[in-house]
Amino acid sequence: MLIDTHVHLNAEQYNEDLEEVIERAQAEGVKTMVVVGFDTETITRAIELAEKYPFLYASVGWHPVDAIDMTDEDLKWLEELASHPKVVALGEMGLDYHWDKSPKDIQKEVFRKQIALAKKVKLPIIIHNREATQDVMDILKEEGAEEVGGIMHCFSGSEEIAKECMKMNFYISFGGPVTFKNAKNVKEVAAQIPLDRLLVETDCPYLTPHPFRGKRNEPAYVKLVAEEIAALKDVPFEKIAEITTANAKKLFGID
């Protein structure tokens, strides 16, 4: 069994064949998935999916690229959704300095507000970090994020940063890039992460693993991520599947 800790089955890329995508995932042993919402539309859809399928859960938060759009009413809405029985985390949240839609100061403010909310409602957080590592780390420390912990989603940082994150009660999650032939750094870091801090994800429909790179990603392919990590760590695939599943269940509080 595998748990894909980060899927966007709420994306329009699955409008035509969602049932088939879910069936393929289950056939590959991906029995549980967390659907991540990051704005009004995708949050609403994530909740709908989690309510429809017993094996789907939801995470709700505001993406840093869209931070400029988040209102106080949206924050109140997130707080209300946090008590939903199928909502297991807040996020994805964080900082993204690649795109310039939302100014950095607004991204930071929205990030801090969501961490404070997570501490209030006692849910773990899912962190999005793109080209903003130092600021992300500073804010996590300043806001006491270790109180709730969470996931460093699709991790691509150094081993040193990973160690700092783990000290703050975060799991390190790897996606498709760990399978890329040229991803030397990600592979080296994945090989070093202790098993009890490891998670797997697809971030589908994005970041499709080798050998399907360039095509639409889907949850069934999380098996390729787990197989690659097993090879890097020189342990059986079954062990990676078992431990990452146990880690995800513990973090999200799911049976």
C-alpha atoms as a PDB file:
ATOM      1  CA  MET A   1       0.000   0.000   0.000  1.00  0.00           C
ATOM      2  CA  LEU A   2       1.078   3.566  -0.741  1.00  0.00           C
ATOM      3  CA  ILE A   3      -0.219   6.979   0.285  1.00  0.00           C
ATOM      4  CA  ASP A   4       0.218   9.830  -2.194  1.00  0.00           C
ATOM      5  CA  THR A   5       0.490  12.792   0.179  1.00  0.00           C
ATOM      6  CA  HIS A   6       0.037  15.506  -2.464  1.00  0.00           C
ATOM      7  CA  VAL A   7      -2.316  15.252  -5.435  1.00  0.00           C
ATOM      8  CA  HIS A   8      -4.292  17.818  -7.387  1.00  0.00           C
ATOM      9  CA  LEU A   9      -7.125  15.577  -8.569  1.00  0.00           C
ATOM     10  CA  ASN A  10      -9.127  18.810  -8.219  1.00  0.00           C
ATOM     11  CA  ALA A  11      -7.313  20.168 -11.313  1.00  0.00           C
ATOM     12  CA  GLU A  12      -9.096  20.592 -14.636  1.00  0.00           C
ATOM     13  CA  GLN A  13      -6.631  18.139 -16.217  1.00  0.00           C
ATOM     14  CA  TYR A  14      -8.747  15.320 -14.721  1.00  0.00           C
ATOM     15  CA  ASN A  15     -12.178  16.589 -15.749  1.00  0.00           C
ATOM     16  CA  GLU A  16     -12.547  13.967 -18.478  1.00  0.00           C
ATOM     17  CA  ASP A  17     -11.232  10.785 -16.841  1.00  0.00           C
ATOM     18  CA  LEU A  18     -11.055  11.142 -13.045  1.00  0.00           C
ATOM     19  CA  GLU A  19     -12.614   7.723 -12.371  1.00  0.00           C
ATOM     20  CA  GLU A  20     -10.074   5.967 -14.594  1.00  0.00           C
ATOM     21  CA  VAL A  21      -7.203   7.858 -12.950  1.00  0.00           C
ATOM     22  CA  ILE A  22      -8.398   6.783  -9.513  1.00  0.00           C
ATOM     23  CA  GLU A  23      -8.830   3.170 -10.657  1.00  0.00           C
ATOM     24  CA  ARG A  24      -5.269   3.070 -12.032  1.00  0.00           C
ATOM     25  CA  ALA A  25      -3.937   4.428  -8.737  1.00  0.00           C
ATOM     26  CA  GLN A  26      -5.791   1.813  -6.706  1.00  0.00           C
ATOM     27  CA  ALA A  27      -4.607  -0.945  -9.044  1.00  0.00           C
ATOM     28  CA  GLU A  28      -1.003   0.115  -8.288  1.00  0.00           C
ATOM     29  CA  GLY A  29      -1.644  -0.080  -4.540  1.00  0.00           C
ATOM     30  CA  VAL A  30      -2.144   3.658  -3.986  1.00  0.00           C
ATOM     31  CA  LYS A  31      -4.997   3.270  -1.547  1.00  0.00           C
ATOM     32  CA  THR A  32      -5.090   6.754  -0.001  1.00  0.00           C
ATOM     33  CA  MET A  33      -4.494  10.240  -1.451  1.00  0.00           C
ATOM     34  CA  VAL A  34      -4.522  13.763  -0.046  1.00  0.00           C
ATOM     35  CA  VAL A  35      -6.096  16.280  -2.433  1.00  0.00           C
ATOM     36  CA  VAL A  36      -4.508  19.700  -1.953  1.00  0.00           C
ATOM     37  CA  GLY A  37      -6.533  22.881  -2.451  1.00  0.00           C
ATOM     38  CA  PHE A  38      -4.788  26.235  -2.763  1.00  0.00           C
ATOM     39  CA  ASP A  39      -7.444  28.811  -3.777  1.00  0.00           C
ATOM     40  CA  THR A  40     -11.238  29.164  -3.635  1.00  0.00           C
ATOM     41  CA  GLU A  41     -11.966  26.908  -6.593  1.00  0.00           C
ATOM     42  CA  THR A  42      -9.498  24.106  -5.828  1.00  0.00           C
ATOM     43  CA  ILE A  43     -10.334  24.062  -2.104  1.00  0.00           C
ATOM     44  CA  THR A  44     -14.048  23.695  -2.861  1.00  0.00           C
ATOM     45  CA  ARG A  45     -13.311  20.838  -5.269  1.00  0.00           C
ATOM     46  CA  ALA A  46     -10.908  19.136  -2.817  1.00  0.00           C
ATOM     47  CA  ILE A  47     -13.651  19.050  -0.170  1.00  0.00           C
ATOM     48  CA  GLU A  48     -16.160  17.683  -2.715  1.00  0.00           C
ATOM     49  CA  LEU A  49     -13.800  14.864  -3.675  1.00  0.00           C
ATOM     50  CA  ALA A  50     -12.942  14.022  -0.052  1.00  0.00           C
ATOM     51  CA  GLU A  51     -16.646  13.813   0.766  1.00  0.00           C
ATOM     52  CA  LYS A  52     -17.363  11.589  -2.245  1.00  0.00           C
ATOM     53  CA  TYR A  53     -14.513   9.057  -1.894  1.00  0.00           C
ATOM     54  CA  PRO A  54     -13.703   7.422   1.469  1.00  0.00           C
ATOM     55  CA  PHE A  55     -10.014   7.030   0.538  1.00  0.00           C
ATOM     56  CA  LEU A  56      -9.491  10.702  -0.401  1.00  0.00           C
ATOM     57  CA  TYR A  57      -8.640  13.379   2.161  1.00  0.00           C
ATOM     58  CA  ALA A  58      -8.217  17.128   1.747  1.00  0.00           C
ATOM     59  CA  SER A  59      -5.690  19.800   2.661  1.00  0.00           C
ATOM     60  CA  VAL A  60      -6.795  23.424   2.427  1.00  0.00           C
ATOM     61  CA  GLY A  61      -4.618  26.512   2.199  1.00  0.00           C
ATOM     62  CA  TRP A  62      -3.567  29.486   0.161  1.00  0.00           C
ATOM     63  CA  HIS A  63      -0.784  29.185  -2.417  1.00  0.00           C
ATOM     64  CA  PRO A  64       1.887  31.909  -2.214  1.00  0.00           C
ATOM     65  CA  VAL A  65       1.517  32.775  -5.906  1.00  0.00           C
ATOM     66  CA  ASP A  66      -2.111  33.722  -5.149  1.00  0.00           C
ATOM     67  CA  ALA A  67      -1.407  35.323  -1.762  1.00  0.00           C
ATOM     68  CA  ILE A  68      -2.456  38.729  -3.063  1.00  0.00           C
ATOM     69  CA  ASP A  69      -6.000  37.382  -3.595  1.00  0.00           C
ATOM     70  CA  MET A  70      -6.526  36.049  -0.056  1.00  0.00           C
ATOM     71  CA  THR A  71      -8.928  38.049   2.111  1.00  0.00           C
ATOM     72  CA  ASP A  72      -9.698  37.939   5.844  1.00  0.00           C
ATOM     73  CA  GLU A  73     -12.933  36.150   4.895  1.00  0.00           C
ATOM     74  CA  ASP A  74     -10.873  33.472   3.135  1.00  0.00           C
ATOM     75  CA  LEU A  75      -8.810  32.967   6.284  1.00  0.00           C
ATOM     76  CA  LYS A  76     -12.018  32.575   8.318  1.00  0.00           C
ATOM     77  CA  TRP A  77     -13.246  30.065   5.741  1.00  0.00           C
ATOM     78  CA  LEU A  78     -10.038  28.037   6.125  1.00  0.00           C
ATOM     79  CA  GLU A  79     -10.594  28.015   9.886  1.00  0.00           C
ATOM     80  CA  GLU A  80     -14.145  26.711   9.410  1.00  0.00           C
ATOM     81  CA  LEU A  81     -12.961  24.008   6.985  1.00  0.00           C
ATOM     82  CA  ALA A  82     -10.260  22.911   9.438  1.00  0.00           C
ATOM     83  CA  SER A  83     -12.941  21.172  11.533  1.00  0.00           C
ATOM     84  CA  HIS A  84     -14.189  19.123   8.560  1.00  0.00           C
ATOM     85  CA  PRO A  85     -13.624  15.409   9.325  1.00  0.00           C
ATOM     86  CA  LYS A  86     -11.818  14.837   5.996  1.00  0.00           C
ATOM     87  CA  VAL A  87      -9.468  17.872   6.247  1.00  0.00           C
ATOM     88  CA  VAL A  88      -6.131  16.562   7.515  1.00  0.00           C
ATOM     89  CA  ALA A  89      -3.765  19.507   6.942  1.00  0.00           C
ATOM     90  CA  LEU A  90      -3.493  23.182   6.026  1.00  0.00           C
ATOM     91  CA  GLY A  91      -1.697  24.098   2.822  1.00  0.00           C
ATOM     92  CA  GLU A  92      -0.168  24.255   0.502  1.00  0.00           C
ATOM     93  CA  MET A  93       1.331  27.451   1.861  1.00  0.00           C
ATOM     94  CA  GLY A  94       4.756  29.050   1.767  1.00  0.00           C
ATOM     95  CA  LEU A  95       6.761  31.309  -0.527  1.00  0.00           C
ATOM     96  CA  ASP A  96       7.302  31.319  -4.279  1.00  0.00           C
ATOM     97  CA  TYR A  97       9.823  33.808  -5.671  1.00  0.00           C
ATOM     98  CA  HIS A  98       9.785  32.344  -9.180  1.00  0.00           C
ATOM     99  CA  TRP A  99       6.515  34.036 -10.186  1.00  0.00           C
ATOM    100  CA  ASP A 100       5.897  37.689  -9.419  1.00  0.00           C
ATOM    101  CA  LYS A 101       2.087  37.836  -9.166  1.00  0.00           C
ATOM    102  CA  SER A 102       2.157  38.356  -5.379  1.00  0.00           C
ATOM    103  CA  PRO A 103       4.720  40.725  -3.780  1.00  0.00           C
ATOM    104  CA  LYS A 104       7.101  39.058  -1.332  1.00  0.00           C
ATOM    105  CA  ASP A 105       5.852  41.024   1.686  1.00  0.00           C
ATOM    106  CA  ILE A 106       2.252  39.897   1.012  1.00  0.00           C
ATOM    107  CA  GLN A 107       3.369  36.290   0.530  1.00  0.00           C
ATOM    108  CA  LYS A 108       5.160  36.410   3.888  1.00  0.00           C
ATOM    109  CA  GLU A 109       2.160  37.927   5.671  1.00  0.00           C
ATOM    110  CA  VAL A 110      -0.240  35.313   4.266  1.00  0.00           C
ATOM    111  CA  PHE A 111       2.229  32.530   5.129  1.00  0.00           C
ATOM    112  CA  ARG A 112       2.524  33.740   8.740  1.00  0.00           C
ATOM    113  CA  LYS A 113      -1.266  34.022   9.107  1.00  0.00           C
ATOM    114  CA  GLN A 114      -1.721  30.431   7.925  1.00  0.00           C
ATOM    115  CA  ILE A 115       0.923  29.085  10.324  1.00  0.00           C
ATOM    116  CA  ALA A 116      -0.819  30.897  13.184  1.00  0.00           C
ATOM    117  CA  LEU A 117      -4.123  29.363  12.083  1.00  0.00           C
ATOM    118  CA  ALA A 118      -2.596  25.884  11.931  1.00  0.00           C
ATOM    119  CA  LYS A 119      -1.396  26.242  15.515  1.00  0.00           C
ATOM    120  CA  LYS A 120      -4.880  27.398  16.558  1.00  0.00           C
ATOM    121  CA  VAL A 121      -6.680  24.477  14.883  1.00  0.00           C
ATOM    122  CA  LYS A 122      -3.848  21.988  15.568  1.00  0.00           C
ATOM    123  CA  LEU A 123      -3.299  20.740  12.023  1.00  0.00           C
ATOM    124  CA  PRO A 124       0.017  20.032  10.257  1.00  0.00           C
ATOM    125  CA  ILE A 125       1.056  22.255   7.350  1.00  0.00           C
ATOM    126  CA  ILE A 126       2.179  21.521   3.795  1.00  0.00           C
ATOM    127  CA  ILE A 127       4.997  23.810   2.667  1.00  0.00           C
ATOM    128  CA  HIS A 128       5.521  25.082  -0.879  1.00  0.00           C
ATOM    129  CA  ASN A 129       8.993  26.576  -1.376  1.00  0.00           C
ATOM    130  CA  ARG A 130      10.284  27.822  -4.693  1.00  0.00           C
ATOM    131  CA  GLU A 131      13.508  29.849  -4.786  1.00  0.00           C
ATOM    132  CA  ALA A 132      12.804  31.150  -1.259  1.00  0.00           C
ATOM    133  CA  THR A 133      14.498  28.677   1.075  1.00  0.00           C
ATOM    134  CA  GLN A 134      16.075  31.044   3.604  1.00  0.00           C
ATOM    135  CA  ASP A 135      12.922  33.130   4.028  1.00  0.00           C
ATOM    136  CA  VAL A 136      10.784  29.987   4.376  1.00  0.00           C
ATOM    137  CA  MET A 137      13.093  28.616   7.069  1.00  0.00           C
ATOM    138  CA  ASP A 138      13.203  31.936   8.925  1.00  0.00           C
ATOM    139  CA  ILE A 139       9.411  32.237   9.001  1.00  0.00           C
ATOM    140  CA  LEU A 140       8.909  28.617  10.109  1.00  0.00           C
ATOM    141  CA  LYS A 141      11.280  29.246  13.026  1.00  0.00           C
ATOM    142  CA  GLU A 142       9.921  32.688  13.936  1.00  0.00           C
ATOM    143  CA  GLU A 143       6.310  31.486  13.908  1.00  0.00           C
ATOM    144  CA  GLY A 144       6.991  28.328  15.917  1.00  0.00           C
ATOM    145  CA  ALA A 145       5.800  26.014  13.157  1.00  0.00           C
ATOM    146  CA  GLU A 146       7.409  23.026  14.896  1.00  0.00           C
ATOM    147  CA  GLU A 147       4.385  23.035  17.214  1.00  0.00           C
ATOM    148  CA  VAL A 148       2.324  21.503  14.386  1.00  0.00           C
ATOM    149  CA  GLY A 149       5.022  20.239  12.000  1.00  0.00           C
ATOM    150  CA  GLY A 150       4.082  19.037   8.562  1.00  0.00           C
ATOM    151  CA  ILE A 151       5.577  18.330   5.150  1.00  0.00           C
ATOM    152  CA  MET A 152       8.292  19.941   3.077  1.00  0.00           C
ATOM    153  CA  HIS A 153       6.481  19.237  -0.179  1.00  0.00           C
ATOM    154  CA  CYS A 154       8.454  18.058  -3.221  1.00  0.00           C
ATOM    155  CA  PHE A 155      11.731  18.728  -1.438  1.00  0.00           C
ATOM    156  CA  SER A 156      14.658  19.905  -3.553  1.00  0.00           C
ATOM    157  CA  GLY A 157      16.920  21.532  -0.961  1.00  0.00           C
ATOM    158  CA  SER A 158      20.229  20.497   0.575  1.00  0.00           C
ATOM    159  CA  GLU A 159      20.805  17.826   3.198  1.00  0.00           C
ATOM    160  CA  GLU A 160      21.596  20.602   5.703  1.00  0.00           C
ATOM    161  CA  ILE A 161      18.224  22.278   5.092  1.00  0.00           C
ATOM    162  CA  ALA A 162      16.487  18.898   5.348  1.00  0.00           C
ATOM    163  CA  LYS A 163      18.097  18.342   8.756  1.00  0.00           C
ATOM    164  CA  GLU A 164      16.888  21.765   9.935  1.00  0.00           C
ATOM    165  CA  CYS A 165      13.368  20.940   8.743  1.00  0.00           C
ATOM    166  CA  MET A 166      13.362  17.581  10.501  1.00  0.00           C
ATOM    167  CA  LYS A 167      14.447  19.285  13.747  1.00  0.00           C
ATOM    168  CA  MET A 168      11.334  21.455  13.355  1.00  0.00           C
ATOM    169  CA  ASN A 169       9.057  18.395  13.228  1.00  0.00           C
ATOM    170  CA  PHE A 170       8.726  18.253   9.425  1.00  0.00           C
ATOM    171  CA  TYR A 171       8.674  15.254   7.126  1.00  0.00           C
ATOM    172  CA  ILE A 172      10.612  15.372   3.862  1.00  0.00           C
ATOM    173  CA  SER A 173       8.522  14.439   0.832  1.00  0.00           C
ATOM    174  CA  PHE A 174       9.872  13.520  -2.579  1.00  0.00           C
ATOM    175  CA  GLY A 175       8.066  13.498  -5.905  1.00  0.00           C
ATOM    176  CA  GLY A 176       8.817  12.851  -9.565  1.00  0.00           C
ATOM    177  CA  PRO A 177      12.088  14.840  -9.712  1.00  0.00           C
ATOM    178  CA  VAL A 178      13.859  12.180  -7.605  1.00  0.00           C
ATOM    179  CA  THR A 179      13.485   9.861 -10.638  1.00  0.00           C
ATOM    180  CA  PHE A 180      15.009  12.327 -13.128  1.00  0.00           C
ATOM    181  CA  LYS A 181      18.368  11.139 -14.472  1.00  0.00           C
ATOM    182  CA  ASN A 182      19.991  14.561 -13.980  1.00  0.00           C
ATOM    183  CA  ALA A 183      18.644  15.130 -10.428  1.00  0.00           C
ATOM    184  CA  LYS A 184      21.894  14.271  -8.657  1.00  0.00           C
ATOM    185  CA  ASN A 185      21.323  16.487  -5.619  1.00  0.00           C
ATOM    186  CA  VAL A 186      17.756  15.314  -4.972  1.00  0.00           C
ATOM    187  CA  LYS A 187      18.844  11.676  -5.226  1.00  0.00           C
ATOM    188  CA  GLU A 188      21.736  12.221  -2.802  1.00  0.00           C
ATOM    189  CA  VAL A 189      19.487  13.922  -0.257  1.00  0.00           C
ATOM    190  CA  ALA A 190      16.723  11.299  -0.574  1.00  0.00           C
ATOM    191  CA  ALA A 191      19.272   8.581   0.149  1.00  0.00           C
ATOM    192  CA  GLN A 192      20.158  10.299   3.449  1.00  0.00           C
ATOM    193  CA  ILE A 193      16.698  11.045   4.879  1.00  0.00           C
ATOM    194  CA  PRO A 194      15.868   8.757   7.828  1.00  0.00           C
ATOM    195  CA  LEU A 195      13.012   6.382   7.046  1.00  0.00           C
ATOM    196  CA  ASP A 196      10.861   7.736   9.874  1.00  0.00           C
ATOM    197  CA  ARG A 197      10.867  11.211   8.265  1.00  0.00           C
ATOM    198  CA  LEU A 198      10.204  10.183   4.668  1.00  0.00           C
ATOM    199  CA  LEU A 199       7.066  10.664   2.545  1.00  0.00           C
ATOM    200  CA  VAL A 200       6.229  10.210  -1.153  1.00  0.00           C
ATOM    201  CA  GLU A 201       3.980  12.217  -3.449  1.00  0.00           C
ATOM    202  CA  THR A 202       3.275  12.993  -7.098  1.00  0.00           C
ATOM    203  CA  ASP A 203       2.066  16.636  -7.079  1.00  0.00           C
ATOM    204  CA  CYS A 204       0.036  15.395 -10.044  1.00  0.00           C
ATOM    205  CA  PRO A 205      -0.743  16.555 -12.712  1.00  0.00           C
ATOM    206  CA  TYR A 206       2.726  18.185 -12.466  1.00  0.00           C
ATOM    207  CA  LEU A 207       6.301  16.859 -12.146  1.00  0.00           C
ATOM    208  CA  THR A 208       5.693  13.509 -13.809  1.00  0.00           C
ATOM    209  CA  PRO A 209       8.356  10.901 -12.958  1.00  0.00           C
ATOM    210  CA  HIS A 210      10.605   9.145 -15.452  1.00  0.00           C
ATOM    211  CA  PRO A 211       9.807   7.418 -17.834  1.00  0.00           C
ATOM    212  CA  PHE A 212       6.568   9.412 -18.315  1.00  0.00           C
ATOM    213  CA  ARG A 213       8.208  12.825 -17.934  1.00  0.00           C
ATOM    214  CA  GLY A 214       6.487  15.413 -20.122  1.00  0.00           C
ATOM    215  CA  LYS A 215       3.102  13.696 -19.905  1.00  0.00           C
ATOM    216  CA  ARG A 216       0.317  14.349 -17.379  1.00  0.00           C
ATOM    217  CA  ASN A 217       1.191  12.982 -13.960  1.00  0.00           C
ATOM    218  CA  GLU A 218      -1.232  10.851 -11.931  1.00  0.00           C
ATOM    219  CA  PRO A 219      -1.263   9.164  -8.491  1.00  0.00           C
ATOM    220  CA  ALA A 220      -0.465   5.688  -9.851  1.00  0.00           C
ATOM    221  CA  TYR A 221       3.032   6.994 -10.617  1.00  0.00           C
ATOM    222  CA  VAL A 222       3.847   7.546  -6.939  1.00  0.00           C
ATOM    223  CA  LYS A 223       4.945   3.911  -7.050  1.00  0.00           C
ATOM    224  CA  LEU A 224       7.805   4.969  -9.368  1.00  0.00           C
ATOM    225  CA  VAL A 225       8.913   7.532  -6.770  1.00  0.00           C
ATOM    226  CA  ALA A 226       8.865   4.933  -3.987  1.00  0.00           C
ATOM    227  CA  GLU A 227      10.752   2.423  -6.151  1.00  0.00           C
ATOM    228  CA  GLU A 228      13.459   4.993  -6.906  1.00  0.00           C
ATOM    229  CA  ILE A 229      13.895   5.849  -3.228  1.00  0.00           C
ATOM    230  CA  ALA A 230      14.076   2.142  -2.381  1.00  0.00           C
ATOM    231  CA  ALA A 231      16.856   1.740  -4.949  1.00  0.00           C
ATOM    232  CA  LEU A 232      18.721   4.809  -3.641  1.00  0.00           C
ATOM    233  CA  LYS A 233      18.526   3.512  -0.082  1.00  0.00           C
ATOM    234  CA  ASP A 234      19.173  -0.099  -1.098  1.00  0.00           C
ATOM    235  CA  VAL A 235      16.122  -1.394   0.775  1.00  0.00           C
ATOM    236  CA  PRO A 236      13.131  -3.372  -0.550  1.00  0.00           C
ATOM    237  CA  PHE A 237      10.329  -1.373  -2.171  1.00  0.00           C
ATOM    238  CA  GLU A 238       7.888  -2.993   0.278  1.00  0.00           C
ATOM    239  CA  LYS A 239       9.753  -1.431   3.195  1.00  0.00           C
ATOM    240  CA  ILE A 240       9.532   2.064   1.673  1.00  0.00           C
ATOM    241  CA  ALA A 241       5.821   1.530   0.973  1.00  0.00           C
ATOM    242  CA  GLU A 242       5.157   0.313   4.506  1.00  0.00           C
ATOM    243  CA  ILE A 243       7.125   3.047   6.292  1.00  0.00           C
ATOM    244  CA  THR A 244       5.965   6.007   4.185  1.00  0.00           C
ATOM    245  CA  THR A 245       2.368   4.830   4.640  1.00  0.00           C
ATOM    246  CA  ALA A 246       2.823   4.614   8.416  1.00  0.00           C
ATOM    247  CA  ASN A 247       4.466   8.071   8.436  1.00  0.00           C
ATOM    248  CA  ALA A 248       1.600   9.641   6.481  1.00  0.00           C
ATOM    249  CA  LYS A 249      -1.046   8.024   8.700  1.00  0.00           C
ATOM    250  CA  LYS A 250       0.726   9.288  11.813  1.00  0.00           C
ATOM    251  CA  LEU A 251       1.105  12.845  10.483  1.00  0.00           C
ATOM    252  CA  PHE A 252      -2.448  13.170   9.136  1.00  0.00           C
ATOM    253  CA  GLY A 253      -4.108  11.180  11.918  1.00  0.00           C
ATOM    254  CA  ILE A 254      -5.848   8.809   9.521  1.00  0.00           C
ATOM    255  CA  ASP A 255      -6.605   5.099   9.994  1.00  0.00           C
END
